[in-house]
Every structure is written in C-alpha cells, then in structure tokens.
Amino acid sequence: MSAFLFARRACMGVLAAAFWAAPWLAAQAQPLTFERAQALAEQSAPENLARQAQVASAQQAVEPADALPDPKLILGVDNLPVEGPDRYTLNRDFMTMRRIGLMQEVPNGDKRLARRHLAEASVVRAEAEQRAMQLEIQRQTAASWLDVYYAERSVDLFDRLARQIDMLRSTVQARIAGGNAQPGELLEADQQALALQDRRDELSRDAAIARAKLRRWIGNEADQPLSGDAPDLSLEAAHLKQRMASHPELRAASARVGEASAELDEAISEKTPDWGVELAYNNRDNQFGDMLMVQFTFDLPMFVGTRQGPRIDSKQQSLAQMEAEQEVLLRAHRADLESGLAELEQLRKTLARTENSLIPLASKRADLELAAYQAGNSQLGAVIATQRELIEAQLRQIEQQRKLSQLSAGLHYAYVEGLQ
C-alpha cells in the first residue's frame, strides 16, 4: 500500500511540474514574427541601455551647469608674533586675531549662461544619438530577420526540387524495368541529386549565418522558428527631402554645432572678469575689540593675446569643423536617399519581370519537357535541366525580394521612422 501511495504522489508531482512548466515552454516556443523580433531587440540590445544612461547623465548635468561654485570656509590667524617675549601667543598682542569667514567666487553671467547652453546642447545631442541608435538597431534586426526568412525559403525550394528528382528517379527505375529507359539515366539522376545537395548545403549555411546575426540583436530568441511574412514597409518620399534636417543623425550633428557654439561663447566670456567676495570675522583678546573684514576680488585678463585669444581661436575652428561635418552629413543623407529610391525603383521593375515573365516561361518549359519525357520524346537530363532552371528563376525571385525588402527596411528606418 505504501508503494502504491508513493507512486501515486510521484505521478501527481510529475503532472504538477508539467502543468506549471507548460506556460513557460509555450512562451519559449513562441514563433518569431518580424514585429516580435523588433520588440525583443529594443528591450535587450545593450546599445539602447548605454544610450539611455548617456541621456540620463546629460540631463543630470543641466541643473548645476550655471550654478555658483561652492563657497569656501576661511580659518586662520593674523599677525601672530614670532619674535620677542610674546612670540607664538594669541592674546598678548593687540594685532593678533583669529579669523573665521566665508569666500564666494562669482563667475560672470556670460560664462554661466554659456555653460547652461552647453549642458542643454549635450542633452539634445544625447537624445538624438539615442534615437539614431534605436533606429540602427531596428534596421539591423530587420535585415537579419529578412536574411533568415529568405534563406529558409531558398532551402525549401531546393527541398522541393529534391523531392521532384526522387520522383523522377522512381519513374526512371520503372522505365528501366520496362525496357523504356537506359540505366545511365538513373546515374544521371543521382549525379544531379548530389549537385543539388551541395547547393542546398550552401543555402543552409547562409541560413545559419543569418540566424547568428539575428542572435546578435535578440539573443537566444533567434533560434525560434520564424512566423509570418516579410513586412510591407511603405516609403513615400514626396516630403522627405524637406524634412531631412529632422533626421536623428542630423539633429545630433546640429546639437554638436550647438555644443561647439556654447564652448566658443564660454571662451569669449573668459575676457570678462570674474569676481569674488570674502567676509571674515576677526576675534582678538577680550581687552581688544573684535573686527570684521570684507573684501572683493576681481580677475585681471591682461594677457588676452596669449591666454584667452588662442583658446577663442581654437573654439572658432572647432565650430567651423562641426558646421562643415554637419553639411557633409546632410549631403550624404540626400545622396543616400536619392540613390536608394532609384535602386528601389529598379528592383521593383526587375522583380516584376521575373514574376510576370521569367518564372512563367521557365515553369511552362519544365512542364513541356516533363510531358515530352513521359511520352518518350525527351531525355531525363533535359527534364532535370529545365527543373533546375525553374528553381534558379525562383531563387532569383527570392533574392530580388530579399534585396527589395532589405533596401525598403533600410530606407524606412532611416527616412520614415527616423523623421517621426
């Protein structure tokens, strides 16, 4: 009886474990759609975390940017005798005083304003760089997912052709047995099957490489089976050129120009004197009265030509560099957009010809050659050759679709998502 109860409890434990593990296993086996891959990349890519920390750091630096320096505490002794009978005493000489006070340095207003502008420009740059990184992660994830999708479609095509050759091989064996075919045709079918296996291995390798690239962005979830079709990413470029300056990379470049301008303003502000105030209370022996001291200090920028001047010139050159780099980036994006749209149009036309002409012709030829072989008017080699031509046409279609999807994704995440 005890053995029965033990077995029953063990069985119940296994069932309970299976019950609780079922949702976890279902989650792990969740198919990997294009949208899910994008969401996983946004959540797990370390680049996003790094940029978020950069933005937070820049934001925290804004508030204290134009603050006054911390005040300084003054503790000291004035007029301490070092000779005579009163040497090193604090209460015998009427001039000896114990001092306690505060000193505050006050940078000029232009300098503090420039520091504030510099901190705010750093926030704008960090936010723009974070957005640009998000779009780059989305683009790379999309490219990797599409590589896997089309590579696996190519492998499926070759599997279909391999099954067709196996069927032809069975047909050849039957024809040889009936005396309607030569044994050499069977060898030819075997040779074609081996050649196709080599090509299939290459495509399987490409699929494995694509999975590895996808794993770079979403981790082990990249091993899940893909689900869904390739996305149809719209791209309407009518107003993109007018909004080009809103692109995150160009916004980051504009922010770098703002930073350089704020640094130049700060360098120019060095020509305006800073000042400071010191307040001290001087305590003497009770037989003498205490004293109060107030004094002001002012910087004297007397050597502008050798101190502030070269720094100002340096910041002016840095500003010119940032402005030139901004123009370079703007021209590069314009060229990328125009060339990308031109290439997109060419790919669409080529894909339309492949789908509307090349594949139907190759399919019709393969059907005719197969019918002729079944009627005894053709050779097996010709049948296999036409089947391979059909598969090659379909592979060309897949490759063109891949390039079109890749290019559309690149343009979409750069010039559609990027401008939102």
Protein backbone atom coordinates (compact mmCIF):
# COMPACT_ATOMS: atom_id res chain seq x y z
CA MET A 1 0.00 0.00 0.00
CA SER A 2 2.80 2.41 0.85
CA ALA A 3 4.48 1.71 -2.50
CA PHE A 4 1.22 2.47 -4.27
CA LEU A 5 0.86 5.79 -2.42
CA PHE A 6 4.46 6.69 -3.16
CA ALA A 7 3.99 6.00 -6.87
CA ARG A 8 0.75 7.98 -6.87
CA ARG A 9 2.41 11.00 -5.22
CA ALA A 10 5.31 10.81 -7.63
CA CYS A 11 2.91 10.73 -10.58
CA MET A 12 1.00 13.72 -9.21
CA GLY A 13 4.27 15.59 -8.75
CA VAL A 14 5.25 14.98 -12.35
CA LEU A 15 1.84 16.14 -13.56
CA ALA A 16 2.03 19.28 -11.42
CA ALA A 17 5.52 20.07 -12.71
CA ALA A 18 4.32 19.58 -16.26
CA PHE A 19 1.31 21.82 -15.57
CA TRP A 20 3.44 24.67 -14.24
CA ALA A 21 6.11 24.23 -16.91
CA ALA A 22 3.62 24.21 -19.79
CA PRO A 23 3.17 28.03 -19.97
CA TRP A 24 6.92 28.55 -19.77
CA LEU A 25 7.53 26.04 -22.56
CA ALA A 26 4.80 27.64 -24.63
CA ALA A 27 6.41 31.04 -24.16
CA GLN A 28 9.77 29.64 -25.13
CA ALA A 29 8.30 28.09 -28.28
CA GLN A 30 6.56 31.30 -29.34
CA PRO A 31 7.15 31.88 -33.07
CA LEU A 32 9.39 34.75 -34.00
CA THR A 33 7.49 37.30 -36.08
CA PHE A 34 9.09 40.39 -37.56
CA GLU A 35 7.33 42.63 -35.02
CA ARG A 36 8.34 40.44 -32.08
CA ALA A 37 11.97 40.48 -33.20
CA GLN A 38 11.87 44.29 -33.23
CA ALA A 39 10.38 44.40 -29.75
CA LEU A 40 12.97 41.96 -28.39
CA ALA A 41 15.82 43.97 -29.90
CA GLU A 42 14.54 47.17 -28.34
CA GLN A 43 14.32 45.52 -24.93
CA SER A 44 17.58 43.59 -24.88
CA ALA A 45 20.11 45.38 -27.08
CA PRO A 46 22.88 46.73 -24.80
CA GLU A 47 23.35 49.69 -27.12
CA ASN A 48 19.96 51.00 -26.02
CA LEU A 49 20.90 50.73 -22.36
CA ALA A 50 24.16 52.59 -22.99
CA ARG A 51 22.38 55.43 -24.78
CA GLN A 52 19.73 55.68 -22.07
CA ALA A 53 22.47 56.09 -19.48
CA GLN A 54 24.11 58.74 -21.66
CA VAL A 55 20.85 60.72 -21.86
CA ALA A 56 20.28 60.45 -18.10
CA SER A 57 23.83 61.62 -17.45
CA ALA A 58 23.43 64.66 -19.72
CA GLN A 59 20.09 65.57 -18.15
CA GLN A 60 21.53 65.44 -14.63
CA ALA A 61 24.30 67.83 -15.67
CA VAL A 62 21.95 70.63 -16.77
CA GLU A 63 20.79 71.95 -13.41
CA PRO A 64 24.23 72.53 -11.82
CA ALA A 65 25.77 73.80 -15.07
CA ASP A 66 25.28 77.50 -14.30
CA ALA A 67 25.41 77.24 -10.51
CA LEU A 68 27.87 79.25 -8.45
CA PRO A 69 30.93 77.41 -7.17
CA ASP A 70 30.76 76.13 -3.60
CA PRO A 71 31.69 78.75 -1.01
CA LYS A 72 34.95 78.35 0.85
CA LEU A 73 35.40 78.38 4.59
CA ILE A 74 38.24 80.54 5.93
CA LEU A 75 40.05 79.64 9.15
CA GLY A 76 43.29 81.34 10.13
CA VAL A 77 45.36 83.55 12.41
CA ASP A 78 46.52 87.05 11.50
CA ASN A 79 49.53 88.89 12.89
CA LEU A 80 50.89 86.11 15.10
CA PRO A 81 54.14 87.25 16.82
CA VAL A 82 57.15 85.09 16.05
CA GLU A 83 59.80 87.06 17.99
CA GLY A 84 60.11 88.66 21.40
CA PRO A 85 58.51 87.72 24.71
CA ASP A 86 55.05 87.43 23.13
CA ARG A 87 56.05 85.11 20.35
CA TYR A 88 53.50 82.40 19.41
CA THR A 89 50.89 83.79 21.80
CA LEU A 90 47.37 84.60 20.65
CA ASN A 91 46.21 87.08 23.31
CA ARG A 92 49.04 89.41 24.20
CA ASP A 93 49.47 91.47 21.06
CA PHE A 94 46.56 93.70 20.09
CA MET A 95 47.13 92.94 16.39
CA THR A 96 46.82 89.15 16.73
CA MET A 97 43.42 87.92 15.50
CA ARG A 98 41.75 84.55 15.00
CA ARG A 99 39.86 84.64 11.70
CA ILE A 100 36.78 82.75 10.54
CA GLY A 101 34.96 83.63 7.35
CA LEU A 102 33.46 82.68 4.00
CA MET A 103 34.61 83.36 0.48
CA GLN A 104 32.40 83.10 -2.63
CA GLU A 105 33.66 83.20 -6.20
CA VAL A 106 31.19 84.54 -8.79
CA PRO A 107 31.82 83.73 -12.48
CA ASN A 108 30.50 86.38 -14.85
CA GLY A 109 26.97 85.98 -16.22
CA ASP A 110 28.04 85.29 -19.81
CA LYS A 111 30.16 82.34 -18.69
CA ARG A 112 27.37 80.83 -16.62
CA LEU A 113 24.87 81.25 -19.46
CA ALA A 114 27.28 79.60 -21.92
CA ARG A 115 27.76 76.66 -19.55
CA ARG A 116 23.98 76.27 -19.32
CA HIS A 117 23.65 76.30 -23.10
CA LEU A 118 26.45 73.74 -23.38
CA ALA A 119 24.71 71.37 -20.97
CA GLU A 120 21.38 71.74 -22.78
CA ALA A 121 23.05 71.10 -26.13
CA SER A 122 24.60 67.95 -24.67
CA VAL A 123 21.12 66.70 -23.75
CA VAL A 124 19.83 67.34 -27.26
CA ARG A 125 22.82 65.51 -28.75
CA ALA A 126 22.44 62.55 -26.38
CA GLU A 127 18.73 62.23 -27.15
CA ALA A 128 19.36 62.42 -30.89
CA GLU A 129 22.13 59.83 -30.67
CA GLN A 130 19.85 57.57 -28.63
CA ARG A 131 17.13 57.85 -31.28
CA ALA A 132 19.64 57.20 -34.06
CA MET A 133 20.88 54.11 -32.22
CA GLN A 134 17.32 52.83 -31.77
CA LEU A 135 16.73 53.14 -35.50
CA GLU A 136 20.02 51.42 -36.29
CA ILE A 137 19.10 48.52 -34.02
CA GLN A 138 15.71 48.29 -35.72
CA ARG A 139 17.35 48.35 -39.15
CA GLN A 140 19.93 45.71 -38.28
CA THR A 141 17.30 43.48 -36.68
CA ALA A 142 15.05 43.85 -39.71
CA ALA A 143 17.92 42.99 -42.06
CA SER A 144 18.87 39.91 -40.02
CA TRP A 145 15.27 38.67 -39.78
CA LEU A 146 14.79 39.12 -43.52
CA ASP A 147 18.04 37.26 -44.22
CA VAL A 148 16.78 34.30 -42.20
CA TYR A 149 13.34 34.46 -43.82
CA TYR A 150 14.58 34.41 -47.41
CA ALA A 151 17.40 31.95 -46.75
CA GLU A 152 14.93 29.44 -45.35
CA ARG A 153 12.63 30.00 -48.34
CA SER A 154 15.55 29.15 -50.63
CA VAL A 155 16.24 25.95 -48.69
CA ASP A 156 12.57 25.00 -49.00
CA LEU A 157 12.78 25.46 -52.76
CA PHE A 158 15.69 23.06 -53.01
CA ASP A 159 13.89 20.55 -50.84
CA ARG A 160 11.01 20.71 -53.28
CA LEU A 161 13.34 20.11 -56.22
CA ALA A 162 14.98 17.20 -54.39
CA ARG A 163 11.58 15.59 -53.94
CA GLN A 164 10.86 16.06 -57.63
CA ILE A 165 14.13 14.38 -58.56
CA ASP A 166 13.34 11.50 -56.21
CA MET A 167 10.01 11.07 -58.00
CA LEU A 168 11.78 11.14 -61.37
CA ARG A 169 14.26 8.61 -60.07
CA SER A 170 11.41 6.25 -59.19
CA THR A 171 9.93 6.82 -62.64
CA VAL A 172 13.29 6.02 -64.27
CA GLN A 173 13.57 2.79 -62.32
CA ALA A 174 10.14 1.75 -63.54
CA ARG A 175 11.01 2.69 -67.13
CA ILE A 176 14.29 0.78 -66.94
CA ALA A 177 12.44 -2.26 -65.68
CA GLY A 178 10.03 -1.95 -68.63
CA GLY A 179 12.86 -1.52 -71.12
CA ASN A 180 11.89 2.06 -71.98
CA ALA A 181 14.97 3.77 -70.45
CA GLN A 182 18.69 3.24 -70.19
CA PRO A 183 20.42 2.54 -66.83
CA GLY A 184 22.61 5.57 -67.45
CA GLU A 185 19.64 7.84 -66.87
CA LEU A 186 19.47 6.65 -63.27
CA LEU A 187 23.11 7.55 -62.77
CA GLU A 188 22.45 10.99 -64.21
CA ALA A 189 19.62 11.49 -61.73
CA ASP A 190 21.93 10.50 -58.89
CA GLN A 191 24.60 12.95 -60.07
CA GLN A 192 22.07 15.78 -60.24
CA ALA A 193 20.86 14.91 -56.75
CA LEU A 194 24.42 15.15 -55.39
CA ALA A 195 24.98 18.52 -57.08
CA LEU A 196 21.74 19.83 -55.64
CA GLN A 197 22.71 18.65 -52.17
CA ASP A 198 25.91 20.71 -52.37
CA ARG A 199 23.91 23.80 -53.32
CA ARG A 200 21.40 23.13 -50.55
CA ASP A 201 24.23 22.90 -48.02
CA GLU A 202 25.42 26.34 -49.11
CA LEU A 203 21.95 27.77 -48.60
CA SER A 204 21.67 26.08 -45.20
CA ARG A 205 24.99 27.67 -44.27
CA ASP A 206 23.63 31.08 -45.29
CA ALA A 207 20.56 30.49 -43.12
CA ALA A 208 22.75 29.56 -40.13
CA ILE A 209 24.87 32.69 -40.61
CA ALA A 210 21.71 34.80 -40.77
CA ARG A 211 20.50 33.23 -37.52
CA ALA A 212 23.81 34.09 -35.88
CA LYS A 213 23.48 37.73 -36.96
CA LEU A 214 19.92 37.84 -35.64
CA ARG A 215 21.11 36.36 -32.33
CA ARG A 216 23.45 39.36 -32.05
CA TRP A 217 20.40 41.60 -31.56
CA ILE A 218 17.78 39.46 -29.78
CA GLY A 219 19.77 36.71 -28.05
CA ASN A 220 18.65 33.09 -27.95
CA GLU A 221 15.17 34.01 -29.13
CA ALA A 222 16.71 34.00 -32.60
CA ASP A 223 16.60 30.19 -32.51
CA GLN A 224 12.79 30.19 -32.53
CA PRO A 225 11.02 29.36 -35.82
CA LEU A 226 10.01 32.34 -37.89
CA SER A 227 6.35 33.18 -38.29
CA GLY A 228 4.52 35.47 -40.66
CA ASP A 229 5.53 37.03 -43.95
CA ALA A 230 8.04 39.72 -44.72
CA PRO A 231 6.60 43.14 -43.78
CA ASP A 232 5.40 45.61 -46.38
CA LEU A 233 7.25 48.73 -45.30
CA SER A 234 5.76 51.73 -47.04
CA LEU A 235 8.01 54.52 -48.26
CA GLU A 236 6.51 57.76 -49.54
CA ALA A 237 9.34 60.12 -50.32
CA ALA A 238 7.39 63.15 -51.54
CA HIS A 239 8.11 65.27 -48.47
CA LEU A 240 11.18 63.55 -47.07
CA LYS A 241 13.72 65.96 -48.55
CA GLN A 242 12.02 68.94 -46.92
CA ARG A 243 12.14 67.17 -43.54
CA MET A 244 15.69 65.90 -43.92
CA ALA A 245 17.02 68.16 -41.14
CA SER A 246 14.81 66.30 -38.64
CA HIS A 247 16.72 63.07 -39.13
CA PRO A 248 18.23 61.94 -35.78
CA GLU A 249 21.78 61.85 -37.11
CA LEU A 250 21.41 65.37 -38.48
CA ARG A 251 19.81 66.50 -35.22
CA ALA A 252 22.82 65.06 -33.42
CA ALA A 253 25.12 66.94 -35.79
CA SER A 254 23.15 70.14 -35.18
CA ALA A 255 23.49 69.57 -31.43
CA ARG A 256 27.25 69.15 -31.82
CA VAL A 257 27.28 72.53 -33.58
CA GLY A 258 25.34 73.94 -30.62
CA GLU A 259 27.87 72.47 -28.21
CA ALA A 260 30.76 73.99 -30.15
CA SER A 261 28.98 77.36 -30.23
CA ALA A 262 28.43 77.24 -26.45
CA GLU A 263 32.09 76.36 -25.91
CA LEU A 264 33.06 79.36 -28.07
CA ASP A 265 30.78 81.63 -26.02
CA GLU A 266 32.37 80.30 -22.85
CA ALA A 267 35.85 81.01 -24.21
CA ILE A 268 34.82 84.55 -25.15
CA SER A 269 33.37 85.07 -21.68
CA GLU A 270 36.84 84.50 -20.23
CA LYS A 271 37.65 88.04 -21.39
CA THR A 272 35.09 89.36 -18.90
CA PRO A 273 36.46 89.38 -15.33
CA ASP A 274 35.05 87.06 -12.70
CA TRP A 275 34.81 88.38 -9.19
CA GLY A 276 34.56 87.16 -5.64
CA VAL A 277 33.64 88.34 -2.16
CA GLU A 278 35.16 87.42 1.19
CA LEU A 279 33.60 88.06 4.61
CA ALA A 280 35.59 87.31 7.76
CA TYR A 281 35.19 87.83 11.49
CA ASN A 282 38.43 88.53 13.41
CA ASN A 283 38.44 87.64 17.08
CA ARG A 284 41.01 89.17 19.46
CA ASP A 285 41.64 89.02 23.20
CA ASN A 286 38.86 90.43 25.36
CA GLN A 287 40.89 93.51 26.18
CA PHE A 288 40.89 94.33 22.48
CA GLY A 289 37.84 94.71 20.25
CA ASP A 290 36.88 92.19 17.59
CA MET A 291 36.99 93.21 13.94
CA LEU A 292 35.05 92.49 10.74
CA MET A 293 36.65 92.25 7.29
CA VAL A 294 35.00 92.45 3.86
CA GLN A 295 36.96 92.37 0.60
CA PHE A 296 36.28 91.87 -3.10
CA THR A 297 38.49 90.22 -5.71
CA PHE A 298 38.45 90.73 -9.48
CA ASP A 299 40.20 88.81 -12.26
CA LEU A 300 42.50 90.87 -14.43
CA PRO A 301 42.52 89.45 -18.02
CA MET A 302 45.56 91.48 -19.00
CA PHE A 303 47.13 89.00 -21.43
CA VAL A 304 44.24 88.25 -23.80
CA GLY A 305 46.52 87.81 -26.79
CA THR A 306 48.42 84.89 -25.26
CA ARG A 307 45.80 83.37 -22.96
CA GLN A 308 42.13 83.90 -23.86
CA GLY A 309 42.80 84.73 -27.53
CA PRO A 310 44.29 81.37 -28.63
CA ARG A 311 41.54 79.49 -26.82
CA ILE A 312 38.89 81.56 -28.59
CA ASP A 313 40.57 80.87 -31.95
CA SER A 314 40.64 77.16 -31.14
CA LYS A 315 36.93 77.08 -30.35
CA GLN A 316 36.15 79.02 -33.53
CA GLN A 317 37.96 76.38 -35.57
CA SER A 318 36.09 73.61 -33.73
CA LEU A 319 32.79 75.32 -34.52
CA ALA A 320 33.75 75.59 -38.19
CA GLN A 321 34.64 71.90 -38.17
CA MET A 322 31.27 70.91 -36.68
CA GLU A 323 29.38 73.05 -39.21
CA ALA A 324 31.31 71.51 -42.10
CA GLU A 325 30.71 67.98 -40.81
CA GLN A 326 27.02 68.78 -40.47
CA GLU A 327 26.91 69.83 -44.12
CA VAL A 328 28.81 66.68 -45.13
CA LEU A 329 26.28 64.52 -43.29
CA LEU A 330 23.33 66.37 -44.83
CA ARG A 331 24.69 65.88 -48.35
CA ALA A 332 25.45 62.22 -47.65
CA HIS A 333 21.88 61.60 -46.47
CA ARG A 334 20.44 63.36 -49.50
CA ALA A 335 22.60 61.23 -51.79
CA ASP A 336 21.70 58.04 -49.90
CA LEU A 337 18.00 58.80 -50.14
CA GLU A 338 18.08 59.63 -53.84
CA SER A 339 20.24 56.63 -54.77
CA GLY A 340 18.17 54.35 -52.53
CA LEU A 341 14.93 55.42 -54.19
CA ALA A 342 16.46 54.92 -57.64
CA GLU A 343 17.69 51.45 -56.71
CA LEU A 344 14.31 50.63 -55.19
CA GLU A 345 12.55 51.51 -58.43
CA GLN A 346 14.97 49.37 -60.45
CA LEU A 347 14.48 46.38 -58.12
CA ARG A 348 10.71 46.66 -58.39
CA LYS A 349 10.86 46.58 -62.18
CA THR A 350 13.29 43.66 -62.21
CA LEU A 351 11.17 41.69 -59.74
CA ALA A 352 8.03 42.37 -61.81
CA ARG A 353 9.74 40.97 -64.94
CA THR A 354 10.88 37.91 -63.02
CA GLU A 355 7.42 37.22 -61.62
CA ASN A 356 5.45 38.03 -64.78
CA SER A 357 7.74 36.62 -67.46
CA LEU A 358 10.77 34.64 -66.36
CA ILE A 359 9.13 32.24 -63.90
CA PRO A 360 6.01 31.53 -66.04
CA LEU A 361 8.23 30.79 -69.05
CA ALA A 362 10.55 28.54 -67.04
CA SER A 363 7.58 26.75 -65.49
CA LYS A 364 5.93 26.18 -68.87
CA ARG A 365 9.16 24.87 -70.34
CA ALA A 366 9.64 22.48 -67.41
CA ASP A 367 6.09 21.17 -67.82
CA LEU A 368 6.54 20.67 -71.56
CA GLU A 369 9.85 18.86 -71.10
CA LEU A 370 8.35 16.60 -68.43
CA ALA A 371 5.38 15.78 -70.69
CA ALA A 372 7.73 15.01 -73.55
CA TYR A 373 9.79 12.72 -71.33
CA GLN A 374 6.71 10.88 -70.14
CA ALA A 375 5.72 10.41 -73.80
CA GLY A 376 9.16 9.02 -74.56
CA ASN A 377 10.24 12.01 -76.67
CA SER A 378 12.87 13.52 -74.33
CA GLN A 379 15.79 12.63 -72.10
CA LEU A 380 15.89 12.72 -68.32
CA GLY A 381 18.81 15.16 -68.39
CA ALA A 382 16.70 17.71 -70.24
CA VAL A 383 13.88 17.31 -67.71
CA ILE A 384 16.23 17.84 -64.78
CA ALA A 385 17.86 20.81 -66.52
CA THR A 386 14.53 22.57 -67.02
CA GLN A 387 13.55 21.86 -63.41
CA ARG A 388 16.82 23.40 -62.26
CA GLU A 389 16.23 26.43 -64.49
CA LEU A 390 12.82 26.86 -62.88
CA ILE A 391 14.32 26.61 -59.41
CA GLU A 392 17.07 29.08 -60.38
CA ALA A 393 14.40 31.52 -61.60
CA GLN A 394 12.53 31.14 -58.33
CA LEU A 395 15.77 31.60 -56.39
CA ARG A 396 16.40 34.75 -58.40
CA GLN A 397 12.94 35.92 -57.42
CA ILE A 398 13.67 35.25 -53.75
CA GLU A 399 17.00 37.08 -53.97
CA GLN A 400 15.34 40.07 -55.63
CA GLN A 401 12.62 40.07 -52.98
CA ARG A 402 15.31 39.93 -50.29
CA LYS A 403 17.18 42.90 -51.77
CA LEU A 404 13.94 44.83 -52.17
CA SER A 405 12.87 44.12 -48.59
CA GLN A 406 16.34 44.93 -47.24
CA LEU A 407 16.50 48.22 -49.10
CA SER A 408 12.93 49.13 -48.14
CA ALA A 409 13.69 48.40 -44.49
CA GLY A 410 16.88 50.48 -44.60
CA LEU A 411 15.11 53.45 -46.15
CA HIS A 412 12.08 53.05 -43.90
CA TYR A 413 14.02 53.12 -40.64
CA ALA A 414 16.28 55.93 -41.85
CA TYR A 415 13.84 58.26 -43.55
CA VAL A 416 10.34 57.31 -42.35
CA GLU A 417 10.69 56.14 -38.76
CA GLY A 418 13.67 58.46 -38.37
CA LEU A 419 11.66 61.56 -39.22
CA GLN A 420 8.72 60.80 -36.95
